[in-house]
Amino acid sequence: MESSGSAVSNHALESTGGGCQWDVGDKAKLCRFLCYGTEGDLYTAREEGSVSLENAGALLSLLQEGRGSEVVEEIKRFSQDGRAVRLSTAIFALALCSQHSELKTRQAAFKAVREVCRDPAHLFAFIQYKKELKEGMKCGIWGRALRKAVSDWYNEQDAMSLAAAVTKCKQRGGWSHQDLLRLAHTKPARDAIALISKYVTKGWKEVQDAYADKENSEEVVKVLSYLEVVEKVKHSCDETEVIMLIEEHKLEREQLLTDHLKSKQVWRALLKEMPLHLVLKILGKMTSNKVLEPGSSETEIVCDRIQSESALKKAKIHPFSILLASENYKRGQGYQGKTKWEPDSGVLKAMDSAFYKSFATVKEDGRHDADRVLFCLQNVEPVGKRFVVAVDVSTSLSSVVPGTAISTAVAAAAITMIFARTEAEVDVLAFSEGAVVPCSLSAHMTLAEATAELVKIPSGSTDCTLPITWALDNGKSVDVFIILTNNPLWTFTVSPVESLKKHREISGANSKLVMCGLTSIGHSITDTEDRGLLSVSGFDLGALSVIRNLSQDLI
């Protein structure tokens, strides 16, 4: 593997505008904004927040410099490659570009609508952002360019996929498909799209009258049949018929009536094709309403799906997502409302199995000795950097990560496991009492074993620069330091910025530091313009994506 300590990436140099590689230039700020919604060095887990021009200063500066086309390309990269933690930010940025004064920027933005706005909810959000920006930008919305972009969005879709999309997501944020097709003056590019357009704007009865006696193409016949099923289920009070239609045509819950969802049998039918990430999300609800009962065939089916390696791979389920879902289910109570349930032991065992199965075993260079076994996430490529993951055990690890049901000890153990199992060069450390203490965490441990290893270490004073000092003392070149701490406020005897700079100078590595305050509510490391430092407040799946982006010089 090529050493990552040699030279900063081309992308990183470009991002700093040609200055010092650690300066936070406008391109770096834009990438942070596209990734997690702010230009600063603090990512706050589980915080959606509203997107506004106040957070887009660098984006506006780049547009002023005539670099709009570059901005649009970056928006596309972040939205398509899974780099964006919050896609709403990329959609907002695209809307802003589409209303810029420079023609080339507007053209690039409108051309990218189909690629960035992949489903109706995204398209509705794009239109709403344009509406909100209208006064500030002193220009109208529904010009020829937007009408063409919206029309192309509908016309370039596969007809059956579009039929499913318009019946599952009919409206959002005050916009509907009927609004968009009408305002865009859309001229359908082919017969099947014309059928869907008529269905959306005129209704099913008009479609029946218009297509009853026509000789229709095969594509039109398929769409007609599908829409007929959707209409049929909407007007059916027959539970048996609803179940049959769900199973035969793979209907989803968004296409059903609220009354249908009061039936256990309907839920059982939906379960067979329900996306796995949604199954994990509503396990508690299904247990509460007795769809999942101990020893039932439905519970067995769900357990088999949850721990199926092929299903996990197809659904791209991350181990941390499984852990969060498992801990939430184990809690036996929802965060909102009065829903309660008794966790099923079989489901919990399946979730535990799924956590480990979301890692796939790989042998490095074909070796088979136990010490050389590596793991890789089913759906995440290794970053290929040299990591130090250090856990601060100076305070109790028995508190809970905000917004989750997961303890900080379990969260810290899971995070270390993910890096230990997926990266070839990882040192796992624990530090307390003013020194790095022995920690025998390994990639081969179970989550319970790793957690036990952390909590048995005695607590003491905190100094989050110790892992960097350890690396210097041991001659370690480290690309990324990840420090997991339970302290909501961080104090340092030596500045972490200065410690990191010293490590860079001595090791020659382009070292970065991520400070994760597992119970923090918005505290940053320090007020710094060093692009290699990042703070994480709380922890969620998005935090892992942010760390990955920083490691690869993408933010």
Protein backbone atom coordinates (compact mmCIF):
# COMPACT_ATOMS: atom_id res chain seq x y z
CA MET A 1 0.00 0.00 0.00
CA GLU A 2 1.37 3.44 -0.92
CA SER A 3 2.25 5.53 2.11
CA SER A 4 -0.39 8.13 2.85
CA GLY A 5 2.18 10.28 4.66
CA SER A 6 4.03 11.31 1.49
CA ALA A 7 2.11 14.22 0.06
CA VAL A 8 -1.27 15.79 0.40
CA SER A 9 -3.73 14.68 -2.28
CA ASN A 10 -4.42 16.73 -5.40
CA HIS A 11 -7.95 17.24 -4.14
CA ALA A 12 -6.62 18.60 -0.84
CA LEU A 13 -4.29 21.05 -2.63
CA GLU A 14 -7.11 22.17 -4.85
CA SER A 15 -9.35 22.58 -1.81
CA THR A 16 -6.94 24.97 -0.11
CA GLY A 17 -6.71 27.23 -3.13
CA GLY A 18 -2.95 26.71 -3.45
CA GLY A 19 -2.00 28.02 0.04
CA CYS A 20 -0.74 26.04 3.01
CA GLN A 21 -2.17 22.54 2.80
CA TRP A 22 -3.78 22.91 6.24
CA ASP A 23 -5.49 26.24 5.56
CA VAL A 24 -9.29 26.02 5.45
CA GLY A 25 -9.97 27.50 2.01
CA ASP A 26 -13.32 28.09 0.34
CA LYS A 27 -13.27 24.72 -1.45
CA ALA A 28 -12.72 22.88 1.83
CA LYS A 29 -15.53 24.87 3.45
CA LEU A 30 -17.82 24.06 0.52
CA CYS A 31 -17.09 20.36 0.93
CA ARG A 32 -17.82 20.52 4.67
CA PHE A 33 -21.07 22.30 3.89
CA LEU A 34 -22.08 19.66 1.33
CA CYS A 35 -21.12 16.88 3.72
CA TYR A 36 -22.82 17.97 6.93
CA GLY A 37 -24.45 21.37 6.47
CA THR A 38 -21.95 23.80 8.03
CA GLU A 39 -18.60 25.24 7.03
CA GLY A 40 -17.11 24.86 10.50
CA ASP A 41 -15.02 22.06 11.99
CA LEU A 42 -17.84 20.69 14.18
CA TYR A 43 -20.17 17.88 13.14
CA THR A 44 -23.16 17.48 15.46
CA ALA A 45 -24.70 14.01 15.28
CA ARG A 46 -28.45 13.57 14.72
CA GLU A 47 -28.96 17.28 14.14
CA GLU A 48 -30.82 18.02 10.93
CA GLY A 49 -31.37 21.76 11.29
CA SER A 50 -32.45 24.06 8.49
CA VAL A 51 -30.19 24.86 5.56
CA SER A 52 -29.65 28.56 4.95
CA LEU A 53 -27.49 31.08 3.11
CA GLU A 54 -25.84 31.95 6.43
CA ASN A 55 -23.99 28.62 6.30
CA ALA A 56 -23.05 28.90 2.62
CA GLY A 57 -20.53 31.74 2.60
CA ALA A 58 -17.82 29.78 0.79
CA LEU A 59 -20.30 28.52 -1.80
CA LEU A 60 -21.34 32.11 -2.57
CA SER A 61 -17.69 33.20 -2.76
CA LEU A 62 -16.87 30.45 -5.28
CA LEU A 63 -19.87 31.46 -7.38
CA GLN A 64 -18.70 35.07 -7.31
CA GLU A 65 -15.29 33.91 -8.57
CA GLY A 66 -16.94 32.27 -11.57
CA ARG A 67 -16.32 28.71 -10.32
CA GLY A 68 -19.96 27.63 -10.46
CA SER A 69 -19.31 24.65 -12.71
CA GLU A 70 -16.78 23.29 -10.18
CA VAL A 71 -19.33 23.76 -7.41
CA VAL A 72 -21.97 21.80 -9.34
CA GLU A 73 -19.50 18.96 -9.98
CA GLU A 74 -18.74 18.84 -6.25
CA ILE A 75 -22.48 18.76 -5.46
CA LYS A 76 -22.89 15.80 -7.82
CA ARG A 77 -19.95 13.95 -6.27
CA PHE A 78 -21.21 14.36 -2.72
CA SER A 79 -24.77 13.34 -3.59
CA GLN A 80 -23.88 10.36 -5.79
CA ASP A 81 -20.92 8.84 -3.92
CA GLY A 82 -22.62 8.71 -0.54
CA ARG A 83 -20.33 11.39 0.89
CA ALA A 84 -23.18 13.67 1.99
CA VAL A 85 -24.48 12.94 5.48
CA ARG A 86 -27.44 15.22 4.80
CA LEU A 87 -28.52 15.27 1.16
CA SER A 88 -30.76 18.29 1.81
CA THR A 89 -27.64 20.47 1.84
CA ALA A 90 -26.56 19.34 -1.62
CA ILE A 91 -30.08 19.94 -2.95
CA PHE A 92 -30.09 23.44 -1.41
CA ALA A 93 -26.68 24.17 -2.97
CA LEU A 94 -27.94 22.99 -6.38
CA ALA A 95 -30.99 25.25 -6.08
CA LEU A 96 -28.71 28.17 -5.25
CA CYS A 97 -26.51 27.46 -8.29
CA SER A 98 -29.58 27.21 -10.52
CA GLN A 99 -30.44 30.81 -9.66
CA HIS A 100 -26.98 32.29 -10.08
CA SER A 101 -26.47 35.15 -12.53
CA GLU A 102 -23.89 33.29 -14.62
CA LEU A 103 -25.49 31.32 -17.44
CA LYS A 104 -22.89 28.52 -17.43
CA THR A 105 -23.51 27.85 -13.72
CA ARG A 106 -27.29 27.78 -14.18
CA GLN A 107 -27.02 25.41 -17.12
CA ALA A 108 -24.76 23.04 -15.19
CA ALA A 109 -27.12 23.10 -12.20
CA PHE A 110 -30.26 22.36 -14.18
CA LYS A 111 -28.49 19.59 -16.06
CA ALA A 112 -27.58 17.99 -12.71
CA VAL A 113 -31.15 17.98 -11.31
CA ARG A 114 -31.88 14.44 -12.49
CA GLU A 115 -28.61 13.12 -11.01
CA VAL A 116 -28.90 14.84 -7.62
CA CYS A 117 -32.69 14.63 -7.12
CA ARG A 118 -33.13 10.89 -7.46
CA ASP A 119 -36.62 10.56 -6.01
CA PRO A 120 -39.76 12.77 -5.82
CA ALA A 121 -38.98 13.98 -2.28
CA HIS A 122 -35.64 15.35 -3.51
CA LEU A 123 -37.30 17.06 -6.48
CA PHE A 124 -39.96 18.65 -4.27
CA ALA A 125 -37.22 19.87 -1.90
CA PHE A 126 -35.29 21.40 -4.83
CA ILE A 127 -38.37 23.34 -5.97
CA GLN A 128 -39.11 24.51 -2.43
CA TYR A 129 -35.55 25.74 -1.93
CA LYS A 130 -35.82 27.67 -5.19
CA LYS A 131 -39.02 29.25 -3.95
CA GLU A 132 -37.41 30.24 -0.64
CA LEU A 133 -34.41 31.71 -2.46
CA LYS A 134 -36.55 33.66 -4.92
CA GLU A 135 -36.71 36.97 -3.01
CA GLY A 136 -33.08 36.91 -1.95
CA MET A 137 -31.87 36.26 -5.49
CA LYS A 138 -34.28 38.76 -7.07
CA CYS A 139 -35.33 36.41 -9.85
CA GLY A 140 -38.27 34.21 -10.78
CA ILE A 141 -38.59 30.47 -10.53
CA TRP A 142 -40.56 28.98 -13.38
CA GLY A 143 -38.47 30.03 -16.34
CA ARG A 144 -37.82 27.90 -19.40
CA ALA A 145 -34.74 26.25 -17.86
CA LEU A 146 -36.58 24.97 -14.78
CA ARG A 147 -39.56 23.84 -16.86
CA LYS A 148 -37.19 21.80 -19.04
CA ALA A 149 -35.32 20.35 -16.04
CA VAL A 150 -38.55 19.23 -14.36
CA SER A 151 -39.94 17.84 -17.61
CA ASP A 152 -36.71 15.94 -18.24
CA TRP A 153 -36.87 14.52 -14.69
CA TYR A 154 -40.19 12.87 -15.52
CA ASN A 155 -39.48 12.01 -19.16
CA GLU A 156 -36.13 10.31 -18.51
CA GLN A 157 -37.51 7.92 -15.90
CA ASP A 158 -38.30 4.27 -16.50
CA ALA A 159 -42.11 4.21 -16.78
CA MET A 160 -42.75 1.51 -14.18
CA SER A 161 -40.33 3.11 -11.72
CA LEU A 162 -42.05 6.46 -12.22
CA ALA A 163 -45.49 4.90 -11.70
CA ALA A 164 -44.29 3.46 -8.39
CA ALA A 165 -42.64 6.73 -7.37
CA VAL A 166 -45.67 8.97 -7.99
CA THR A 167 -47.96 6.59 -6.08
CA LYS A 168 -45.62 6.19 -3.10
CA CYS A 169 -44.57 9.84 -2.70
CA LYS A 170 -47.47 11.97 -3.94
CA GLN A 171 -46.56 15.24 -2.29
CA ARG A 172 -44.05 16.77 0.09
CA GLY A 173 -43.45 20.22 1.55
CA GLY A 174 -46.52 21.74 -0.08
CA TRP A 175 -45.68 20.48 -3.61
CA SER A 176 -47.28 17.67 -5.58
CA HIS A 177 -46.61 15.97 -8.91
CA GLN A 178 -49.72 17.65 -10.24
CA ASP A 179 -48.23 21.07 -9.36
CA LEU A 180 -44.90 20.32 -11.02
CA LEU A 181 -46.30 18.84 -14.23
CA ARG A 182 -48.70 21.75 -14.59
CA LEU A 183 -46.16 24.50 -13.86
CA ALA A 184 -43.50 22.89 -16.07
CA HIS A 185 -45.95 22.50 -18.98
CA THR A 186 -44.49 19.03 -19.37
CA LYS A 187 -44.93 17.37 -22.76
CA PRO A 188 -44.56 13.62 -22.19
CA ALA A 189 -41.79 12.09 -24.30
CA ARG A 190 -43.58 8.76 -24.81
CA ASP A 191 -46.97 7.12 -24.34
CA ALA A 192 -46.31 5.51 -20.95
CA ILE A 193 -45.17 8.85 -19.47
CA ALA A 194 -48.24 10.52 -20.96
CA LEU A 195 -50.39 7.94 -19.19
CA ILE A 196 -48.73 8.62 -15.83
CA SER A 197 -49.02 12.37 -16.39
CA LYS A 198 -52.75 12.06 -17.10
CA TYR A 199 -53.20 9.86 -14.03
CA VAL A 200 -51.45 12.43 -11.81
CA THR A 201 -53.20 15.50 -13.22
CA LYS A 202 -56.65 14.18 -14.17
CA GLY A 203 -57.19 11.09 -12.05
CA TRP A 204 -57.91 7.41 -12.61
CA LYS A 205 -61.38 7.80 -14.14
CA GLU A 206 -60.06 10.00 -16.95
CA VAL A 207 -57.31 7.44 -17.60
CA GLN A 208 -59.86 4.64 -17.83
CA ASP A 209 -61.98 6.60 -20.29
CA ALA A 210 -59.00 7.59 -22.41
CA TYR A 211 -57.33 4.17 -22.64
CA ALA A 212 -60.28 1.78 -22.52
CA ASP A 213 -60.70 1.28 -26.28
CA LYS A 214 -57.17 2.12 -27.45
CA GLU A 215 -54.65 -0.29 -28.85
CA ASN A 216 -51.87 0.21 -26.33
CA SER A 217 -48.17 -0.64 -26.39
CA GLU A 218 -46.76 -3.29 -24.06
CA GLU A 219 -45.22 -0.61 -21.81
CA VAL A 220 -48.52 1.26 -21.53
CA VAL A 221 -50.38 -1.97 -20.72
CA LYS A 222 -47.94 -2.69 -17.87
CA VAL A 223 -48.32 0.78 -16.40
CA LEU A 224 -52.11 0.64 -16.78
CA SER A 225 -52.25 -2.68 -14.95
CA TYR A 226 -50.03 -1.38 -12.15
CA LEU A 227 -52.07 1.78 -11.64
CA GLU A 228 -55.26 -0.26 -11.68
CA VAL A 229 -53.88 -2.35 -8.80
CA VAL A 230 -52.91 0.79 -6.85
CA GLU A 231 -56.43 2.18 -7.30
CA LYS A 232 -58.00 -1.13 -6.42
CA VAL A 233 -56.15 -1.42 -3.12
CA LYS A 234 -57.05 2.18 -2.23
CA HIS A 235 -60.75 1.35 -2.41
CA SER A 236 -60.65 -2.13 -0.93
CA CYS A 237 -61.93 -2.97 2.54
CA ASP A 238 -61.37 -6.68 1.99
CA GLU A 239 -58.34 -7.74 4.01
CA THR A 240 -57.79 -10.88 1.94
CA GLU A 241 -57.87 -8.91 -1.30
CA VAL A 242 -55.44 -6.29 0.04
CA ILE A 243 -53.00 -9.00 1.11
CA MET A 244 -53.24 -10.70 -2.28
CA LEU A 245 -52.55 -7.41 -4.11
CA ILE A 246 -49.55 -6.66 -1.86
CA GLU A 247 -48.02 -10.07 -2.46
CA GLU A 248 -48.70 -10.24 -6.20
CA HIS A 249 -47.63 -6.70 -7.06
CA LYS A 250 -45.09 -5.93 -4.32
CA LEU A 251 -47.01 -2.94 -3.07
CA GLU A 252 -45.46 -0.92 -0.23
CA ARG A 253 -47.02 0.59 2.84
CA GLU A 254 -47.03 4.13 1.38
CA GLN A 255 -49.55 2.88 -1.20
CA LEU A 256 -51.98 1.57 1.41
CA LEU A 257 -54.64 3.26 3.51
CA THR A 258 -54.16 3.92 7.23
CA ASP A 259 -56.96 1.46 7.98
CA HIS A 260 -55.10 -1.29 6.12
CA LEU A 261 -52.14 -0.86 8.48
CA LYS A 262 -54.27 -1.77 11.48
CA SER A 263 -54.24 -5.38 10.27
CA LYS A 264 -51.54 -7.80 11.47
CA GLN A 265 -52.05 -9.90 8.37
CA VAL A 266 -51.40 -6.89 6.12
CA TRP A 267 -48.17 -6.19 7.99
CA ARG A 268 -47.16 -9.83 7.55
CA ALA A 269 -47.66 -9.48 3.80
CA LEU A 270 -45.66 -6.25 3.68
CA LEU A 271 -42.79 -7.86 5.59
CA LYS A 272 -41.96 -10.23 2.74
CA GLU A 273 -40.68 -7.46 0.45
CA MET A 274 -40.09 -4.62 2.91
CA PRO A 275 -36.60 -3.03 2.58
CA LEU A 276 -34.34 -4.34 5.33
CA HIS A 277 -33.45 -0.91 6.71
CA LEU A 278 -37.16 -0.24 7.22
CA VAL A 279 -37.65 -3.63 8.92
CA LEU A 280 -34.93 -2.70 11.42
CA LYS A 281 -36.53 0.69 12.01
CA ILE A 282 -40.01 -0.67 12.89
CA LEU A 283 -39.12 -3.83 14.81
CA GLY A 284 -40.46 -2.29 18.01
CA LYS A 285 -43.75 -1.28 16.43
CA MET A 286 -44.24 -4.73 14.91
CA THR A 287 -43.51 -6.37 18.27
CA SER A 288 -45.87 -3.96 20.02
CA ASN A 289 -48.81 -4.72 17.70
CA LYS A 290 -48.13 -8.49 17.91
CA VAL A 291 -47.08 -8.93 14.29
CA LEU A 292 -43.89 -10.37 15.75
CA GLU A 293 -44.58 -12.85 18.54
CA PRO A 294 -42.21 -15.35 20.16
CA GLY A 295 -41.86 -18.46 18.02
CA SER A 296 -44.18 -17.25 15.24
CA SER A 297 -43.46 -17.85 11.57
CA GLU A 298 -43.33 -14.06 11.00
CA THR A 299 -40.65 -13.67 13.67
CA GLU A 300 -38.68 -16.52 12.11
CA ILE A 301 -38.90 -14.90 8.67
CA VAL A 302 -37.75 -11.53 10.03
CA CYS A 303 -34.88 -13.11 11.97
CA ASP A 304 -33.72 -14.99 8.85
CA ARG A 305 -33.77 -11.78 6.79
CA ILE A 306 -31.96 -9.73 9.42
CA GLN A 307 -29.02 -12.13 9.60
CA SER A 308 -28.87 -13.03 5.90
CA GLU A 309 -25.45 -12.03 4.54
CA SER A 310 -26.85 -11.53 1.04
CA ALA A 311 -29.73 -9.40 2.35
CA LEU A 312 -27.33 -7.28 4.44
CA LYS A 313 -25.07 -6.78 1.45
CA LYS A 314 -27.92 -5.93 -0.92
CA ALA A 315 -29.42 -3.44 1.55
CA LYS A 316 -25.97 -1.92 2.29
CA ILE A 317 -26.58 -2.08 6.02
CA HIS A 318 -23.69 -0.69 8.10
CA PRO A 319 -22.77 -2.50 11.37
CA PHE A 320 -23.27 0.70 13.35
CA SER A 321 -26.82 0.99 11.98
CA ILE A 322 -27.53 -2.54 13.16
CA LEU A 323 -26.10 -1.74 16.60
CA LEU A 324 -28.25 1.39 16.94
CA ALA A 325 -31.37 -0.52 15.87
CA SER A 326 -30.56 -3.38 18.26
CA GLU A 327 -30.05 -1.10 21.25
CA ASN A 328 -33.21 0.85 20.44
CA TYR A 329 -35.19 -2.41 20.19
CA LYS A 330 -33.67 -3.69 23.44
CA ARG A 331 -34.88 -0.51 25.15
CA GLY A 332 -38.51 -1.67 24.76
CA GLN A 333 -39.94 1.79 24.24
CA GLY A 334 -40.05 4.37 21.47
CA TYR A 335 -38.58 7.85 21.86
CA GLN A 336 -41.85 9.48 20.87
CA GLY A 337 -45.41 8.44 21.65
CA LYS A 338 -46.45 5.69 24.02
CA THR A 339 -45.38 2.64 22.03
CA LYS A 340 -43.92 -0.07 24.28
CA TRP A 341 -42.95 -3.68 23.66
CA GLU A 342 -41.29 -6.67 25.26
CA PRO A 343 -38.11 -7.34 23.23
CA ASP A 344 -38.09 -10.79 21.66
CA SER A 345 -34.99 -12.82 22.50
CA GLY A 346 -34.93 -14.39 19.03
CA VAL A 347 -34.90 -10.98 17.35
CA LEU A 348 -32.11 -9.79 19.67
CA LYS A 349 -30.01 -12.87 18.81
CA ALA A 350 -30.60 -12.25 15.10
CA MET A 351 -29.52 -8.61 15.48
CA ASP A 352 -26.36 -9.70 17.28
CA SER A 353 -25.61 -12.18 14.50
CA ALA A 354 -26.29 -9.54 11.85
CA PHE A 355 -23.78 -7.15 13.46
CA TYR A 356 -20.94 -9.63 12.91
CA LYS A 357 -22.19 -10.81 9.52
CA SER A 358 -22.04 -7.25 8.22
CA PHE A 359 -18.26 -7.80 8.28
CA ALA A 360 -16.87 -10.16 5.67
CA THR A 361 -13.64 -12.04 6.43
CA VAL A 362 -10.78 -11.46 4.03
CA LYS A 363 -7.28 -12.97 4.10
CA GLU A 364 -4.46 -10.56 3.35
CA ASP A 365 -2.29 -11.72 0.43
CA GLY A 366 -3.91 -15.16 0.63
CA ARG A 367 -2.41 -15.89 4.07
CA HIS A 368 -4.34 -18.12 6.41
CA ASP A 369 -2.61 -17.62 9.75
CA ALA A 370 -4.94 -16.18 12.38
CA ASP A 371 -2.84 -13.06 13.01
CA ARG A 372 -3.21 -11.94 9.40
CA VAL A 373 -6.99 -12.20 9.13
CA LEU A 374 -8.53 -8.93 8.09
CA PHE A 375 -12.18 -8.01 7.79
CA CYS A 376 -13.93 -5.62 5.47
CA LEU A 377 -17.34 -4.07 5.71
CA GLN A 378 -19.75 -5.69 3.29
CA ASN A 379 -20.55 -2.34 1.71
CA VAL A 380 -17.65 -0.05 2.63
CA GLU A 381 -14.20 -0.11 1.09
CA PRO A 382 -11.30 0.30 3.55
CA VAL A 383 -9.91 3.84 3.63
CA GLY A 384 -6.36 2.50 3.51
CA LYS A 385 -4.89 4.95 6.04
CA ARG A 386 -2.92 4.48 9.27
CA PHE A 387 -5.24 5.00 12.22
CA VAL A 388 -4.91 5.40 15.96
CA VAL A 389 -8.27 4.94 17.70
CA ALA A 390 -7.90 6.04 21.32
CA VAL A 391 -10.58 5.70 24.01
CA ASP A 392 -10.57 8.11 26.92
CA VAL A 393 -11.45 6.00 29.99
CA SER A 394 -10.76 8.82 32.45
CA THR A 395 -14.48 9.17 33.18
CA SER A 396 -17.27 6.64 33.49
CA LEU A 397 -18.32 5.04 30.21
CA SER A 398 -21.76 4.18 31.57
CA SER A 399 -23.66 7.19 30.21
CA VAL A 400 -25.67 7.16 26.98
CA VAL A 401 -24.87 8.74 23.60
CA PRO A 402 -27.46 11.53 23.15
CA GLY A 403 -30.40 10.64 20.90
CA THR A 404 -29.72 6.89 21.08
CA ALA A 405 -30.18 3.97 23.46
CA ILE A 406 -26.52 3.02 23.22
CA SER A 407 -24.09 3.43 26.12
CA THR A 408 -20.85 5.28 25.52
CA ALA A 409 -18.90 2.13 26.44
CA VAL A 410 -20.68 0.06 23.78
CA ALA A 411 -20.40 2.90 21.25
CA ALA A 412 -16.65 3.25 21.86
CA ALA A 413 -16.16 -0.54 21.60
CA ALA A 414 -18.18 -0.70 18.36
CA ILE A 415 -16.28 2.18 16.77
CA THR A 416 -12.91 0.63 17.62
CA MET A 417 -14.12 -2.73 16.27
CA ILE A 418 -15.23 -1.18 12.98
CA PHE A 419 -11.82 0.35 12.38
CA ALA A 420 -9.88 -2.64 13.73
CA ARG A 421 -11.80 -5.00 11.44
CA THR A 422 -11.76 -2.91 8.28
CA GLU A 423 -8.37 -1.20 8.19
CA ALA A 424 -5.00 -2.92 7.83
CA GLU A 425 -3.06 -0.45 9.99
CA VAL A 426 -4.86 0.40 13.25
CA ASP A 427 -3.56 0.88 16.79
CA VAL A 428 -6.25 0.80 19.49
CA LEU A 429 -5.35 2.64 22.68
CA ALA A 430 -6.97 3.55 25.98
CA PHE A 431 -5.72 6.44 28.11
CA SER A 432 -6.29 7.47 31.71
CA GLU A 433 -4.41 8.77 34.76
CA GLY A 434 -2.17 10.90 32.58
CA ALA A 435 -0.88 8.01 30.48
CA VAL A 436 -1.76 5.52 27.78
CA VAL A 437 -2.76 2.31 29.55
CA PRO A 438 -2.60 -1.29 28.29
CA CYS A 439 -5.58 -2.18 26.11
CA SER A 440 -5.85 -5.58 24.47
CA LEU A 441 -8.76 -4.85 22.13
CA SER A 442 -8.45 -6.83 18.91
CA ALA A 443 -10.37 -7.37 15.68
CA HIS A 444 -11.21 -10.90 16.82
CA MET A 445 -13.14 -9.83 19.92
CA THR A 446 -16.89 -9.79 20.17
CA LEU A 447 -18.59 -6.50 20.98
CA ALA A 448 -19.27 -7.68 24.54
CA GLU A 449 -15.61 -8.64 25.03
CA ALA A 450 -14.39 -5.31 23.64
CA THR A 451 -16.79 -3.38 25.89
CA ALA A 452 -15.69 -5.34 28.96
CA GLU A 453 -12.05 -4.62 28.11
CA LEU A 454 -12.72 -0.87 28.13
CA VAL A 455 -14.82 -0.62 31.29
CA LYS A 456 -12.35 -2.59 33.43
CA ILE A 457 -9.67 0.09 33.02
CA PRO A 458 -9.60 2.48 36.04
CA SER A 459 -10.59 6.07 35.41
CA GLY A 460 -8.55 9.15 36.18
CA SER A 461 -7.62 12.56 34.75
CA THR A 462 -8.06 13.48 31.10
CA ASP A 463 -5.45 14.58 28.59
CA CYS A 464 -6.57 14.02 25.01
CA THR A 465 -3.13 14.79 23.58
CA LEU A 466 -1.71 11.58 25.09
CA PRO A 467 -2.37 9.38 21.99
CA ILE A 468 -0.35 11.83 19.85
CA THR A 469 2.46 11.81 22.41
CA TRP A 470 2.34 7.99 22.41
CA ALA A 471 2.73 7.93 18.62
CA LEU A 472 5.74 10.27 18.82
CA ASP A 473 7.37 8.26 21.60
CA ASN A 474 6.92 5.02 19.65
CA GLY A 475 7.98 6.37 16.26
CA LYS A 476 4.54 5.84 14.73
CA SER A 477 3.53 7.68 11.58
CA VAL A 478 -0.23 8.15 11.85
CA ASP A 479 -2.60 9.51 9.23
CA VAL A 480 -5.68 9.86 11.43
CA PHE A 481 -6.04 10.06 15.21
CA ILE A 482 -9.59 9.32 16.40
CA ILE A 483 -10.12 10.15 20.06
CA LEU A 484 -13.30 8.96 21.76
CA THR A 485 -14.06 10.74 25.00
CA ASN A 486 -16.96 10.91 27.42
CA ASN A 487 -16.05 14.37 28.70
CA PRO A 488 -18.54 16.98 27.51
CA LEU A 489 -15.89 19.69 27.91
CA TRP A 490 -12.28 19.12 26.95
CA THR A 491 -9.30 20.63 28.69
CA PHE A 492 -5.71 20.21 27.57
CA THR A 493 -2.34 20.80 29.22
CA VAL A 494 -0.90 21.18 25.72
CA SER A 495 -2.82 22.40 22.67
CA PRO A 496 -3.93 19.45 20.48
CA VAL A 497 -3.19 21.65 17.47
CA GLU A 498 0.43 22.10 18.52
CA SER A 499 0.76 18.38 19.37
CA LEU A 500 -0.55 17.45 15.94
CA LYS A 501 1.77 19.90 14.19
CA LYS A 502 4.72 18.41 16.05
CA HIS A 503 3.72 14.91 14.94
CA ARG A 504 3.44 16.09 11.34
CA GLU A 505 6.90 17.66 11.44
CA ILE A 506 8.63 14.66 13.01
CA SER A 507 6.79 11.84 11.19
CA GLY A 508 6.32 13.53 7.83
CA ALA A 509 2.71 12.32 7.81
CA ASN A 510 -0.26 14.49 6.86
CA SER A 511 -1.84 13.68 10.20
CA LYS A 512 -5.42 14.58 11.10
CA LEU A 513 -7.22 14.59 14.43
CA VAL A 514 -10.87 13.78 15.07
CA MET A 515 -12.12 14.49 18.58
CA CYS A 516 -15.38 12.63 19.27
CA GLY A 517 -17.24 13.84 22.34
CA LEU A 518 -19.66 10.95 22.75
CA THR A 519 -21.83 12.86 25.23
CA SER A 520 -21.00 16.33 23.93
CA ILE A 521 -23.73 18.76 22.89
CA GLY A 522 -21.78 20.94 20.50
CA HIS A 523 -18.25 21.60 21.79
CA SER A 524 -15.38 22.03 19.35
CA ILE A 525 -11.69 21.20 19.96
CA THR A 526 -10.55 24.77 19.58
CA ASP A 527 -11.03 27.77 17.35
CA THR A 528 -8.64 26.78 14.60
CA GLU A 529 -8.22 27.19 10.88
CA ASP A 530 -6.38 23.86 10.61
CA ARG A 531 -8.12 21.75 8.01
CA GLY A 532 -6.87 18.54 9.60
CA LEU A 533 -8.85 18.95 12.82
CA LEU A 534 -12.48 18.03 13.27
CA SER A 535 -14.82 17.75 16.26
CA VAL A 536 -17.75 15.33 16.48
CA SER A 537 -20.50 16.07 18.98
CA GLY A 538 -22.38 12.90 19.96
CA PHE A 539 -22.12 10.00 17.52
CA ASP A 540 -24.17 8.42 14.74
CA LEU A 541 -23.66 6.70 11.40
CA GLY A 542 -23.09 10.09 9.79
CA ALA A 543 -20.08 10.64 12.04
CA LEU A 544 -18.37 7.60 10.49
CA SER A 545 -19.04 9.05 7.04
CA VAL A 546 -17.59 12.41 8.10
CA ILE A 547 -14.45 10.71 9.48
CA ARG A 548 -14.07 8.73 6.28
CA ASN A 549 -14.36 11.91 4.18
CA LEU A 550 -11.76 13.71 6.31
CA SER A 551 -9.39 10.73 6.10
CA GLN A 552 -9.57 10.83 2.29
CA ASP A 553 -9.06 14.60 2.02
CA LEU A 554 -12.61 15.05 0.76
CA ILE A 555 -13.60 17.71 3.33
